[in-house]
Amino acid sequence: MQCPKCRYEPTLSEVQRSPNDCVKCGVNYESHEEWKASEAAARRAKKAEQDAMSPEVRDVAATYPGARPVVVIDINMSFGAMVRFMVKWAIATIPAAIILIILFWGLTSFVSLI
């Protein structure tokens, strides 16, 4: 019998002396087989979970190991908090609008020179 971990083949006297353990590395044959079976089952479960994911989620999970997809179902905000959020959002668009106006003005000035 060959050891599944170190591939050592014990002699007959070594097998008689220690039938369930490898004399070279000390691994227990039965527990090693159970461990290999549990590892194989875990790999199959992980593969099945990845196969069930969409390609986008699979890419993100590969990029960020341990990340899990999140689905937002509801946002619970009071009316006042929603109004404050929308006012801040409107104020934040002012610099973006100014930048776009300057870019448009510069582009039209450049095109009119040609």
Protein backbone atom coordinates (compact mmCIF):
# COMPACT_ATOMS: atom_id res chain seq x y z
CA MET A 1 0.00 0.00 0.00
CA GLN A 2 1.35 3.41 -0.98
CA CYS A 3 0.98 6.46 1.27
CA PRO A 4 -1.41 8.98 -0.35
CA LYS A 5 0.55 11.94 1.00
CA CYS A 6 4.26 11.13 0.60
CA ARG A 7 3.95 8.16 -1.82
CA TYR A 8 6.13 5.97 0.39
CA GLU A 9 5.63 2.21 0.03
CA PRO A 10 6.21 0.55 3.40
CA THR A 11 7.70 -2.88 3.74
CA LEU A 12 5.64 -5.79 5.04
CA SER A 13 7.11 -5.49 8.54
CA GLU A 14 6.31 -1.74 8.63
CA VAL A 15 2.71 -2.44 7.54
CA GLN A 16 2.35 -5.07 10.28
CA ARG A 17 3.80 -2.71 12.87
CA SER A 18 1.62 0.28 11.84
CA PRO A 19 -1.23 -0.76 9.51
CA ASN A 20 -3.21 2.52 9.64
CA ASP A 21 -0.39 5.08 9.65
CA CYS A 22 2.47 5.87 7.30
CA VAL A 23 5.78 5.11 8.99
CA LYS A 24 7.58 7.86 7.05
CA CYS A 25 5.28 10.91 7.35
CA GLY A 26 2.87 9.69 10.07
CA VAL A 27 -0.37 10.42 8.18
CA ASN A 28 -3.39 8.33 9.09
CA TYR A 29 -4.71 6.74 5.90
CA GLU A 30 -8.43 6.90 6.80
CA SER A 31 -8.41 10.51 8.00
CA HIS A 32 -6.39 11.57 4.95
CA GLU A 33 -8.96 9.99 2.62
CA GLU A 34 -11.80 11.72 4.51
CA TRP A 35 -9.94 15.02 4.26
CA LYS A 36 -9.42 14.57 0.51
CA ALA A 37 -13.12 13.76 0.06
CA SER A 38 -14.19 16.86 2.03
CA GLU A 39 -11.79 19.05 0.01
CA ALA A 40 -13.18 17.67 -3.25
CA ALA A 41 -16.75 18.33 -2.06
CA ALA A 42 -15.82 21.91 -1.12
CA ARG A 43 -14.25 22.47 -4.56
CA ARG A 44 -17.38 21.10 -6.28
CA ALA A 45 -19.62 23.35 -4.17
CA LYS A 46 -17.52 26.42 -4.97
CA LYS A 47 -17.54 25.57 -8.69
CA ALA A 48 -21.33 25.12 -8.63
CA GLU A 49 -21.71 28.48 -6.87
CA GLN A 50 -19.51 30.20 -9.46
CA ASP A 51 -21.39 28.56 -12.33
CA ALA A 52 -24.67 29.94 -10.96
CA MET A 53 -23.30 33.53 -10.97
CA SER A 54 -23.70 35.90 -13.88
CA PRO A 55 -20.48 36.71 -15.78
CA GLU A 56 -20.33 40.22 -14.30
CA VAL A 57 -20.66 38.97 -10.73
CA ARG A 58 -18.12 36.21 -11.45
CA ASP A 59 -15.60 38.82 -12.67
CA VAL A 60 -16.10 40.95 -9.57
CA ALA A 61 -15.81 37.90 -7.30
CA ALA A 62 -12.53 36.99 -9.04
CA THR A 63 -11.23 40.55 -8.67
CA TYR A 64 -12.29 40.87 -5.03
CA PRO A 65 -12.01 37.45 -3.35
CA GLY A 66 -14.50 37.04 -0.53
CA ALA A 67 -16.87 39.68 -1.92
CA ARG A 68 -20.53 38.78 -2.13
CA PRO A 69 -23.20 40.37 -4.33
CA VAL A 70 -25.59 42.77 -2.63
CA VAL A 71 -29.14 43.61 -3.70
CA VAL A 72 -30.67 46.84 -2.39
CA ILE A 73 -34.38 46.35 -1.85
CA ASP A 74 -35.46 49.57 -0.19
CA ILE A 75 -34.09 52.94 0.92
CA ASN A 76 -35.82 54.24 3.99
CA MET A 77 -35.42 58.06 4.09
CA SER A 78 -37.63 60.64 5.68
CA PHE A 79 -39.08 63.37 3.47
CA GLY A 80 -36.81 66.04 5.00
CA ALA A 81 -33.70 63.90 4.46
CA MET A 82 -34.74 63.31 0.85
CA VAL A 83 -35.22 67.08 0.27
CA ARG A 84 -31.80 67.85 1.78
CA PHE A 85 -30.21 65.15 -0.41
CA MET A 86 -31.82 66.54 -3.58
CA VAL A 87 -30.78 70.14 -2.74
CA LYS A 88 -27.18 69.01 -2.19
CA TRP A 89 -27.35 67.08 -5.45
CA ALA A 90 -28.61 70.17 -7.32
CA ILE A 91 -25.86 72.34 -5.82
CA ALA A 92 -23.24 69.75 -6.78
CA THR A 93 -24.34 69.93 -10.43
CA ILE A 94 -23.46 73.65 -10.67
CA PRO A 95 -19.65 73.15 -10.97
CA ALA A 96 -20.21 70.34 -13.46
CA ALA A 97 -22.45 72.61 -15.56
CA ILE A 98 -19.83 75.39 -15.47
CA ILE A 99 -17.13 72.97 -16.63
CA LEU A 100 -19.34 71.73 -19.49
CA ILE A 101 -20.14 75.31 -20.57
CA ILE A 102 -16.43 76.21 -20.62
CA LEU A 103 -15.60 73.09 -22.64
CA PHE A 104 -18.42 73.79 -25.11
CA TRP A 105 -17.34 77.45 -25.44
CA GLY A 106 -13.70 76.42 -26.03
CA LEU A 107 -14.67 73.80 -28.59
CA THR A 108 -16.93 76.15 -30.53
CA SER A 109 -14.24 78.87 -30.46
CA PHE A 110 -11.67 76.40 -31.81
CA VAL A 111 -14.00 75.18 -34.58
CA SER A 112 -14.93 78.75 -35.59
CA LEU A 113 -11.23 79.60 -36.05
CA ILE A 114 -10.77 76.85 -38.62
